[in-house]
């Protein structure tokens, strides 16, 4: 499978619409938590890997950090550039950051994108190259244990009045075609790769990283009033949506 086939370029317009609004997971969960963990500020050199159309990138840049964005999709990079700001953008895959010199960034972020990349180790190795010794690689995933593409779902036990999470697969790697517009057989699509926590950690260790942070982030949403509201809201706190891993380059 080529990088072109895993690119989000063909669904750039759909992705932009997906980020619009003030009540999205990006706005309410991911961004505030990322800024807390990253703690960017004046002069910090940050690479936002797989930056998409620049939503997170420009927010980090607004703190005074010196931010660079990179994404395999030329279409998304053009949208990011159109947003303006003082970010430098590059259209390139995550395993070929040729624009960056060795040890040129203090931190690298990657938000909800590793799951769309076919191979981890080449990306992690390139991230390690561009980070300073002790630099941080912070990435966020759809929770790989609880949100498995097309193999996990919500269920409801009427007798016990609980909403539960059903998992039909976890440990074995898989890939799934993700349709931008379900129900339309001609819809644009990309691919999502399911990997275990073990696979992520092994790839980090092989490329010289030490895991120094690990957090699980829950939904901010609440259900409308109804017979299942209490159970649904409780389950949102019981089953996190996102996983954040912080790995430090060259740390012992």
C-alpha atoms as a PDB file:
ATOM      1  CA  UNK A   1       0.000   0.000   0.000  1.00  0.00           C
ATOM      2  CA  UNK A   2       1.518   3.332  -1.050  1.00  0.00           C
ATOM      3  CA  UNK A   3       1.604   6.610   0.848  1.00  0.00           C
ATOM      4  CA  UNK A   4      -0.744   8.030  -1.754  1.00  0.00           C
ATOM      5  CA  UNK A   5      -3.341   5.400  -0.889  1.00  0.00           C
ATOM      6  CA  UNK A   6      -3.165   6.270   2.815  1.00  0.00           C
ATOM      7  CA  UNK A   7      -3.261  10.043   2.242  1.00  0.00           C
ATOM      8  CA  UNK A   8      -6.225  12.135   3.335  1.00  0.00           C
ATOM      9  CA  UNK A   9      -5.833  14.414   0.315  1.00  0.00           C
ATOM     10  CA  UNK A  10      -8.921  13.140  -1.539  1.00  0.00           C
ATOM     11  CA  UNK A  11     -11.118  13.879   1.489  1.00  0.00           C
ATOM     12  CA  UNK A  12      -9.555  17.202   2.440  1.00  0.00           C
ATOM     13  CA  UNK A  13     -12.867  19.078   2.170  1.00  0.00           C
ATOM     14  CA  UNK A  14     -14.674  16.525   4.348  1.00  0.00           C
ATOM     15  CA  UNK A  15     -11.915  16.667   6.957  1.00  0.00           C
ATOM     16  CA  UNK A  16     -12.097  20.447   7.147  1.00  0.00           C
ATOM     17  CA  UNK A  17     -15.855  20.314   7.728  1.00  0.00           C
ATOM     18  CA  UNK A  18     -15.292  17.678  10.419  1.00  0.00           C
ATOM     19  CA  UNK A  19     -13.204  20.148  12.463  1.00  0.00           C
ATOM     20  CA  UNK A  20     -15.626  23.059  12.252  1.00  0.00           C
ATOM     21  CA  UNK A  21     -17.484  24.248  15.343  1.00  0.00           C
ATOM     22  CA  UNK A  22     -16.765  24.906  19.008  1.00  0.00           C
ATOM     23  CA  UNK A  23     -18.135  21.630  20.381  1.00  0.00           C
ATOM     24  CA  UNK A  24     -15.879  19.136  18.585  1.00  0.00           C
ATOM     25  CA  UNK A  25     -13.550  16.637  20.230  1.00  0.00           C
ATOM     26  CA  UNK A  26     -10.623  18.576  18.772  1.00  0.00           C
ATOM     27  CA  UNK A  27     -11.771  21.826  20.375  1.00  0.00           C
ATOM     28  CA  UNK A  28     -13.011  20.523  23.721  1.00  0.00           C
ATOM     29  CA  UNK A  29     -10.836  17.496  24.489  1.00  0.00           C
ATOM     30  CA  UNK A  30      -7.728  17.196  22.337  1.00  0.00           C
ATOM     31  CA  UNK A  31      -6.512  20.785  22.041  1.00  0.00           C
ATOM     32  CA  UNK A  32      -6.754  21.823  25.723  1.00  0.00           C
ATOM     33  CA  UNK A  33      -5.145  18.596  26.898  1.00  0.00           C
ATOM     34  CA  UNK A  34      -2.404  18.799  24.280  1.00  0.00           C
ATOM     35  CA  UNK A  35      -1.540  22.386  25.234  1.00  0.00           C
ATOM     36  CA  UNK A  36      -1.373  21.351  28.893  1.00  0.00           C
ATOM     37  CA  UNK A  37       1.000  18.443  28.185  1.00  0.00           C
ATOM     38  CA  UNK A  38       3.115  20.213  25.570  1.00  0.00           C
ATOM     39  CA  UNK A  39       3.199  23.540  27.452  1.00  0.00           C
ATOM     40  CA  UNK A  40       4.448  25.451  24.403  1.00  0.00           C
ATOM     41  CA  UNK A  41       5.834  28.952  24.681  1.00  0.00           C
ATOM     42  CA  UNK A  42       8.041  31.600  23.139  1.00  0.00           C
ATOM     43  CA  UNK A  43      10.896  30.090  21.172  1.00  0.00           C
ATOM     44  CA  UNK A  44       9.959  26.422  21.542  1.00  0.00           C
ATOM     45  CA  UNK A  45      10.554  24.656  18.219  1.00  0.00           C
ATOM     46  CA  UNK A  46       7.625  22.359  17.467  1.00  0.00           C
ATOM     47  CA  UNK A  47       6.894  20.116  14.496  1.00  0.00           C
ATOM     48  CA  UNK A  48       3.243  19.168  14.031  1.00  0.00           C
ATOM     49  CA  UNK A  49       3.477  15.916  12.090  1.00  0.00           C
ATOM     50  CA  UNK A  50       0.481  15.006   9.910  1.00  0.00           C
ATOM     51  CA  UNK A  51      -0.834  18.481  10.648  1.00  0.00           C
ATOM     52  CA  UNK A  52      -3.781  18.275   8.258  1.00  0.00           C
ATOM     53  CA  UNK A  53      -5.326  21.651   7.563  1.00  0.00           C
ATOM     54  CA  UNK A  54      -3.516  23.259  10.478  1.00  0.00           C
ATOM     55  CA  UNK A  55      -6.145  23.460  13.217  1.00  0.00           C
ATOM     56  CA  UNK A  56      -3.825  22.321  16.021  1.00  0.00           C
ATOM     57  CA  UNK A  57      -0.722  23.768  14.370  1.00  0.00           C
ATOM     58  CA  UNK A  58      -1.914  27.357  14.446  1.00  0.00           C
ATOM     59  CA  UNK A  59      -3.167  27.040  18.029  1.00  0.00           C
ATOM     60  CA  UNK A  60       0.280  25.948  19.173  1.00  0.00           C
ATOM     61  CA  UNK A  61       1.869  28.744  17.146  1.00  0.00           C
ATOM     62  CA  UNK A  62      -0.366  31.307  18.869  1.00  0.00           C
ATOM     63  CA  UNK A  63       1.521  30.618  22.120  1.00  0.00           C
ATOM     64  CA  UNK A  64       4.702  32.072  20.630  1.00  0.00           C
ATOM     65  CA  UNK A  65       6.254  28.738  19.724  1.00  0.00           C
ATOM     66  CA  UNK A  66       8.114  28.433  16.421  1.00  0.00           C
ATOM     67  CA  UNK A  67       5.952  25.847  14.666  1.00  0.00           C
ATOM     68  CA  UNK A  68       6.373  23.823  11.481  1.00  0.00           C
ATOM     69  CA  UNK A  69       3.620  21.690   9.977  1.00  0.00           C
ATOM     70  CA  UNK A  70       4.083  18.638   7.761  1.00  0.00           C
ATOM     71  CA  UNK A  71       1.515  16.436   6.054  1.00  0.00           C
ATOM     72  CA  UNK A  72       1.572  13.963   3.186  1.00  0.00           C
ATOM     73  CA  UNK A  73      -1.495  15.605   1.619  1.00  0.00           C
ATOM     74  CA  UNK A  74      -0.739  18.542  -0.659  1.00  0.00           C
ATOM     75  CA  UNK A  75      -4.434  19.441  -0.569  1.00  0.00           C
ATOM     76  CA  UNK A  76      -4.471  19.710   3.219  1.00  0.00           C
ATOM     77  CA  UNK A  77      -1.212  21.671   3.242  1.00  0.00           C
ATOM     78  CA  UNK A  78      -2.700  24.180   0.807  1.00  0.00           C
ATOM     79  CA  UNK A  79      -5.673  24.593   3.134  1.00  0.00           C
ATOM     80  CA  UNK A  80      -3.306  25.058   6.078  1.00  0.00           C
ATOM     81  CA  UNK A  81      -1.321  27.730   4.238  1.00  0.00           C
ATOM     82  CA  UNK A  82      -4.552  29.534   3.370  1.00  0.00           C
ATOM     83  CA  UNK A  83      -5.267  29.974   7.075  1.00  0.00           C
ATOM     84  CA  UNK A  84      -2.337  32.373   7.283  1.00  0.00           C
ATOM     85  CA  UNK A  85      -0.271  32.792  10.422  1.00  0.00           C
ATOM     86  CA  UNK A  86       3.430  32.312  10.945  1.00  0.00           C
ATOM     87  CA  UNK A  87       3.664  28.547  10.469  1.00  0.00           C
ATOM     88  CA  UNK A  88       5.987  26.989   7.901  1.00  0.00           C
ATOM     89  CA  UNK A  89       4.279  24.097   6.082  1.00  0.00           C
ATOM     90  CA  UNK A  90       5.695  21.184   4.079  1.00  0.00           C
ATOM     91  CA  UNK A  91       3.932  18.519   2.007  1.00  0.00           C
ATOM     92  CA  UNK A  92       5.822  15.316   2.784  1.00  0.00           C
ATOM     93  CA  UNK A  93       5.255  11.875   4.350  1.00  0.00           C
ATOM     94  CA  UNK A  94       6.114  11.321   7.997  1.00  0.00           C
ATOM     95  CA  UNK A  95       9.057   9.044   7.241  1.00  0.00           C
ATOM     96  CA  UNK A  96      10.771  11.554   4.919  1.00  0.00           C
ATOM     97  CA  UNK A  97      11.252  14.855   6.742  1.00  0.00           C
ATOM     98  CA  UNK A  98      14.047  15.990   4.438  1.00  0.00           C
ATOM     99  CA  UNK A  99      13.274  19.670   5.061  1.00  0.00           C
ATOM    100  CA  UNK A 100      14.442  19.296   8.690  1.00  0.00           C
ATOM    101  CA  UNK A 101      18.015  19.051   9.929  1.00  0.00           C
ATOM    102  CA  UNK A 102      19.055  16.660  12.681  1.00  0.00           C
ATOM    103  CA  UNK A 103      18.146  17.838  16.203  1.00  0.00           C
ATOM    104  CA  UNK A 104      16.136  20.808  14.914  1.00  0.00           C
ATOM    105  CA  UNK A 105      12.996  20.495  17.088  1.00  0.00           C
ATOM    106  CA  UNK A 106      12.314  20.519  20.823  1.00  0.00           C
ATOM    107  CA  UNK A 107       9.011  18.659  20.413  1.00  0.00           C
ATOM    108  CA  UNK A 108       7.045  16.783  17.768  1.00  0.00           C
ATOM    109  CA  UNK A 109       3.276  16.332  17.961  1.00  0.00           C
ATOM    110  CA  UNK A 110       1.122  13.944  15.957  1.00  0.00           C
ATOM    111  CA  UNK A 111      -2.629  14.092  16.499  1.00  0.00           C
ATOM    112  CA  UNK A 112      -4.951  11.250  15.425  1.00  0.00           C
ATOM    113  CA  UNK A 113      -2.753  10.374  12.470  1.00  0.00           C
ATOM    114  CA  UNK A 114      -0.444   7.459  13.320  1.00  0.00           C
ATOM    115  CA  UNK A 115      -3.426   5.137  12.914  1.00  0.00           C
ATOM    116  CA  UNK A 116      -3.532   6.151   9.236  1.00  0.00           C
ATOM    117  CA  UNK A 117       0.162   5.399   8.611  1.00  0.00           C
ATOM    118  CA  UNK A 118       1.089   1.956   7.370  1.00  0.00           C
ATOM    119  CA  UNK A 119       4.385   1.571   9.262  1.00  0.00           C
ATOM    120  CA  UNK A 120       5.429   3.006  12.627  1.00  0.00           C
ATOM    121  CA  UNK A 121       9.166   2.403  12.871  1.00  0.00           C
ATOM    122  CA  UNK A 122      10.254   4.495   9.842  1.00  0.00           C
ATOM    123  CA  UNK A 123       8.175   7.409  11.138  1.00  0.00           C
ATOM    124  CA  UNK A 124       9.463   7.081  14.700  1.00  0.00           C
ATOM    125  CA  UNK A 125      13.050   6.853  13.471  1.00  0.00           C
ATOM    126  CA  UNK A 126      12.669  10.065  11.478  1.00  0.00           C
ATOM    127  CA  UNK A 127      11.018  11.812  14.422  1.00  0.00           C
ATOM    128  CA  UNK A 128      13.936  10.753  16.641  1.00  0.00           C
ATOM    129  CA  UNK A 129      16.363  12.200  14.084  1.00  0.00           C
ATOM    130  CA  UNK A 130      14.807  15.666  14.024  1.00  0.00           C
ATOM    131  CA  UNK A 131      14.366  15.897  17.815  1.00  0.00           C
ATOM    132  CA  UNK A 132      17.048  17.267  20.100  1.00  0.00           C
ATOM    133  CA  UNK A 133      18.338  14.775  22.712  1.00  0.00           C
ATOM    134  CA  UNK A 134      15.695  14.832  25.411  1.00  0.00           C
ATOM    135  CA  UNK A 135      13.111  16.237  22.996  1.00  0.00           C
ATOM    136  CA  UNK A 136       9.530  15.031  23.333  1.00  0.00           C
ATOM    137  CA  UNK A 137       7.345  13.158  20.867  1.00  0.00           C
ATOM    138  CA  UNK A 138       3.691  13.585  21.881  1.00  0.00           C
ATOM    139  CA  UNK A 139       1.088  11.675  19.913  1.00  0.00           C
ATOM    140  CA  UNK A 140      -2.632  11.127  20.337  1.00  0.00           C
ATOM    141  CA  UNK A 141      -4.526   8.067  19.084  1.00  0.00           C
ATOM    142  CA  UNK A 142      -8.096   6.953  18.906  1.00  0.00           C
ATOM    143  CA  UNK A 143      -7.843   4.618  21.883  1.00  0.00           C
ATOM    144  CA  UNK A 144      -6.384   1.433  20.343  1.00  0.00           C
ATOM    145  CA  UNK A 145      -7.975  -0.827  22.963  1.00  0.00           C
ATOM    146  CA  UNK A 146     -11.468   0.683  23.056  1.00  0.00           C
ATOM    147  CA  UNK A 147     -11.939   2.197  19.583  1.00  0.00           C
ATOM    148  CA  UNK A 148     -11.037  -0.514  17.105  1.00  0.00           C
ATOM    149  CA  UNK A 149     -12.045   0.347  13.528  1.00  0.00           C
ATOM    150  CA  UNK A 150     -15.181  -1.630  12.615  1.00  0.00           C
ATOM    151  CA  UNK A 151     -14.506  -4.091  15.454  1.00  0.00           C
ATOM    152  CA  UNK A 152     -15.799  -2.219  18.498  1.00  0.00           C
ATOM    153  CA  UNK A 153     -19.219  -0.763  19.285  1.00  0.00           C
ATOM    154  CA  UNK A 154     -21.610   0.361  21.999  1.00  0.00           C
ATOM    155  CA  UNK A 155     -24.220  -1.991  23.426  1.00  0.00           C
ATOM    156  CA  UNK A 156     -26.931  -1.560  26.046  1.00  0.00           C
ATOM    157  CA  UNK A 157     -28.009  -4.045  28.712  1.00  0.00           C
ATOM    158  CA  UNK A 158     -31.639  -3.212  29.457  1.00  0.00           C
ATOM    159  CA  UNK A 159     -31.821  -5.501  32.479  1.00  0.00           C
ATOM    160  CA  UNK A 160     -28.769  -3.976  34.204  1.00  0.00           C
ATOM    161  CA  UNK A 161     -29.349  -0.490  32.764  1.00  0.00           C
ATOM    162  CA  UNK A 162     -25.738  -0.122  31.636  1.00  0.00           C
ATOM    163  CA  UNK A 163     -24.105   0.893  28.398  1.00  0.00           C
ATOM    164  CA  UNK A 164     -21.147  -1.322  27.612  1.00  0.00           C
ATOM    165  CA  UNK A 165     -18.327  -1.465  25.095  1.00  0.00           C
ATOM    166  CA  UNK A 166     -18.110  -4.515  22.844  1.00  0.00           C
ATOM    167  CA  UNK A 167     -14.698  -5.463  21.398  1.00  0.00           C
ATOM    168  CA  UNK A 168     -14.505  -7.988  18.581  1.00  0.00           C
ATOM    169  CA  UNK A 169     -10.763  -7.690  18.099  1.00  0.00           C
ATOM    170  CA  UNK A 170      -7.719  -5.983  19.581  1.00  0.00           C
ATOM    171  CA  UNK A 171      -4.351  -7.729  19.583  1.00  0.00           C
ATOM    172  CA  UNK A 172      -4.031  -8.850  15.960  1.00  0.00           C
ATOM    173  CA  UNK A 173      -3.077  -6.056  13.519  1.00  0.00           C
ATOM    174  CA  UNK A 174      -5.712  -5.132  10.963  1.00  0.00           C
ATOM    175  CA  UNK A 175      -6.510  -2.463   8.417  1.00  0.00           C
ATOM    176  CA  UNK A 176      -9.894  -1.085   7.481  1.00  0.00           C
ATOM    177  CA  UNK A 177     -11.167   1.100   4.676  1.00  0.00           C
ATOM    178  CA  UNK A 178     -12.702   4.231   6.197  1.00  0.00           C
ATOM    179  CA  UNK A 179     -15.436   5.800   4.067  1.00  0.00           C
ATOM    180  CA  UNK A 180     -15.870   9.577   4.227  1.00  0.00           C
ATOM    181  CA  UNK A 181     -19.569   9.365   3.378  1.00  0.00           C
ATOM    182  CA  UNK A 182     -21.100   6.049   4.535  1.00  0.00           C
ATOM    183  CA  UNK A 183     -23.838   4.782   2.249  1.00  0.00           C
ATOM    184  CA  UNK A 184     -22.174   6.187  -0.858  1.00  0.00           C
ATOM    185  CA  UNK A 185     -20.272   3.380  -2.629  1.00  0.00           C
ATOM    186  CA  UNK A 186     -18.351   5.967  -4.665  1.00  0.00           C
ATOM    187  CA  UNK A 187     -17.259   7.945  -1.587  1.00  0.00           C
ATOM    188  CA  UNK A 188     -13.625   8.878  -1.050  1.00  0.00           C
ATOM    189  CA  UNK A 189     -11.837   6.821   1.584  1.00  0.00           C
ATOM    190  CA  UNK A 190      -8.636   6.355   3.500  1.00  0.00           C
ATOM    191  CA  UNK A 191      -7.235   3.481   5.573  1.00  0.00           C
ATOM    192  CA  UNK A 192      -6.969   2.936   9.309  1.00  0.00           C
ATOM    193  CA  UNK A 193      -4.465   0.517  10.848  1.00  0.00           C
ATOM    194  CA  UNK A 194      -5.250  -1.199  14.153  1.00  0.00           C
ATOM    195  CA  UNK A 195      -2.224  -1.874  16.382  1.00  0.00           C
ATOM    196  CA  UNK A 196      -1.890  -3.047  19.961  1.00  0.00           C
ATOM    197  CA  UNK A 197      -0.286  -0.980  22.698  1.00  0.00           C
ATOM    198  CA  UNK A 198       2.582  -3.471  22.634  1.00  0.00           C
ATOM    199  CA  UNK A 199       3.273  -2.735  18.981  1.00  0.00           C
ATOM    200  CA  UNK A 200       3.410   1.016  19.633  1.00  0.00           C
ATOM    201  CA  UNK A 201       5.741   0.598  22.603  1.00  0.00           C
ATOM    202  CA  UNK A 202       8.068  -1.819  20.806  1.00  0.00           C
ATOM    203  CA  UNK A 203       8.405   0.581  17.863  1.00  0.00           C
ATOM    204  CA  UNK A 204       9.238   3.429  20.251  1.00  0.00           C
ATOM    205  CA  UNK A 205      11.876   1.412  22.111  1.00  0.00           C
ATOM    206  CA  UNK A 206      13.488   0.194  18.877  1.00  0.00           C
ATOM    207  CA  UNK A 207      13.917   3.777  17.693  1.00  0.00           C
ATOM    208  CA  UNK A 208      15.537   5.070  20.878  1.00  0.00           C
ATOM    209  CA  UNK A 209      12.562   6.528  22.749  1.00  0.00           C
ATOM    210  CA  UNK A 210      11.615   6.169  26.386  1.00  0.00           C
ATOM    211  CA  UNK A 211       7.940   6.511  27.311  1.00  0.00           C
ATOM    212  CA  UNK A 212       7.651   9.361  29.792  1.00  0.00           C
ATOM    213  CA  UNK A 213       3.930  10.143  29.711  1.00  0.00           C
ATOM    214  CA  UNK A 214       0.670   8.258  29.263  1.00  0.00           C
ATOM    215  CA  UNK A 215      -2.870   9.637  29.583  1.00  0.00           C
ATOM    216  CA  UNK A 216      -6.394   8.587  28.573  1.00  0.00           C
ATOM    217  CA  UNK A 217      -8.887  11.319  27.665  1.00  0.00           C
ATOM    218  CA  UNK A 218     -12.664  10.987  27.991  1.00  0.00           C
ATOM    219  CA  UNK A 219     -15.512  12.596  26.065  1.00  0.00           C
ATOM    220  CA  UNK A 220     -16.831  16.014  27.080  1.00  0.00           C
ATOM    221  CA  UNK A 221     -20.300  15.322  25.701  1.00  0.00           C
ATOM    222  CA  UNK A 222     -23.500  14.576  27.626  1.00  0.00           C
ATOM    223  CA  UNK A 223     -26.675  12.823  26.482  1.00  0.00           C
ATOM    224  CA  UNK A 224     -30.076  14.422  26.109  1.00  0.00           C
ATOM    225  CA  UNK A 225     -32.641  13.663  28.794  1.00  0.00           C
ATOM    226  CA  UNK A 226     -34.136  10.194  28.511  1.00  0.00           C
ATOM    227  CA  UNK A 227     -34.222   6.726  30.105  1.00  0.00           C
ATOM    228  CA  UNK A 228     -30.628   5.965  29.072  1.00  0.00           C
ATOM    229  CA  UNK A 229     -29.062   9.335  29.863  1.00  0.00           C
ATOM    230  CA  UNK A 230     -27.491   8.368  33.187  1.00  0.00           C
ATOM    231  CA  UNK A 231     -26.025   5.138  31.840  1.00  0.00           C
ATOM    232  CA  UNK A 232     -24.715   6.798  28.679  1.00  0.00           C
ATOM    233  CA  UNK A 233     -23.066   9.654  30.568  1.00  0.00           C
ATOM    234  CA  UNK A 234     -21.498   7.210  33.024  1.00  0.00           C
ATOM    235  CA  UNK A 235     -20.060   5.106  30.208  1.00  0.00           C
ATOM    236  CA  UNK A 236     -18.390   8.186  28.696  1.00  0.00           C
ATOM    237  CA  UNK A 237     -16.355   8.462  31.882  1.00  0.00           C
ATOM    238  CA  UNK A 238     -15.680   4.725  32.038  1.00  0.00           C
ATOM    239  CA  UNK A 239     -14.356   4.307  28.481  1.00  0.00           C
ATOM    240  CA  UNK A 240     -11.850   6.931  27.271  1.00  0.00           C
ATOM    241  CA  UNK A 241     -11.920   7.966  23.627  1.00  0.00           C
ATOM    242  CA  UNK A 242      -8.300   8.978  23.180  1.00  0.00           C
ATOM    243  CA  UNK A 243      -4.853   7.869  24.305  1.00  0.00           C
ATOM    244  CA  UNK A 244      -1.899  10.266  24.644  1.00  0.00           C
ATOM    245  CA  UNK A 245       1.646   8.925  24.752  1.00  0.00           C
ATOM    246  CA  UNK A 246       4.683  11.096  25.428  1.00  0.00           C
ATOM    247  CA  UNK A 247       8.051   9.617  24.452  1.00  0.00           C
ATOM    248  CA  UNK A 248      11.436  11.248  25.036  1.00  0.00           C
ATOM    249  CA  UNK A 249      14.272  10.924  22.551  1.00  0.00           C
ATOM    250  CA  UNK A 250      17.533   9.557  23.860  1.00  0.00           C
ATOM    251  CA  UNK A 251      16.311   9.387  27.464  1.00  0.00           C
ATOM    252  CA  UNK A 252      17.640   6.625  29.710  1.00  0.00           C
END
